[in-house]
Amino acid sequence: MRVPIEMPKLGYDMTSGSIVRWLVSVGDAIERGQAIVEVETDKVEIEMESLHSGTLLEIVYEADEDRQIDVGDIIGYLDARE
């Protein structure tokens, strides 16, 4: 099942964030709870964990600390096993 990976809301007033780096590549197997991407807000840098196990199908936004991505925007897709 193709599941979107969305830019998370990491704080009450967060409206956007940037991708510092992807910790996995397209085609990599991912386990639920595994850190997959490092996200930066104006206050913090944090690793985002996958909500599903599966395979990373697509990266929509590459790492670019200058590009602001709105909370809820799709940043990638996962082929979920569960």
Foldseek 3Di string as FASTA:
>chain_A
DKDFDWAADPDDPFFWWFWQAFPDDAFDWFAFQDFGTWIGTPPDIDTDGHRATAGWHFAQDGGDRVDIDTGGDGGGIGPGPD
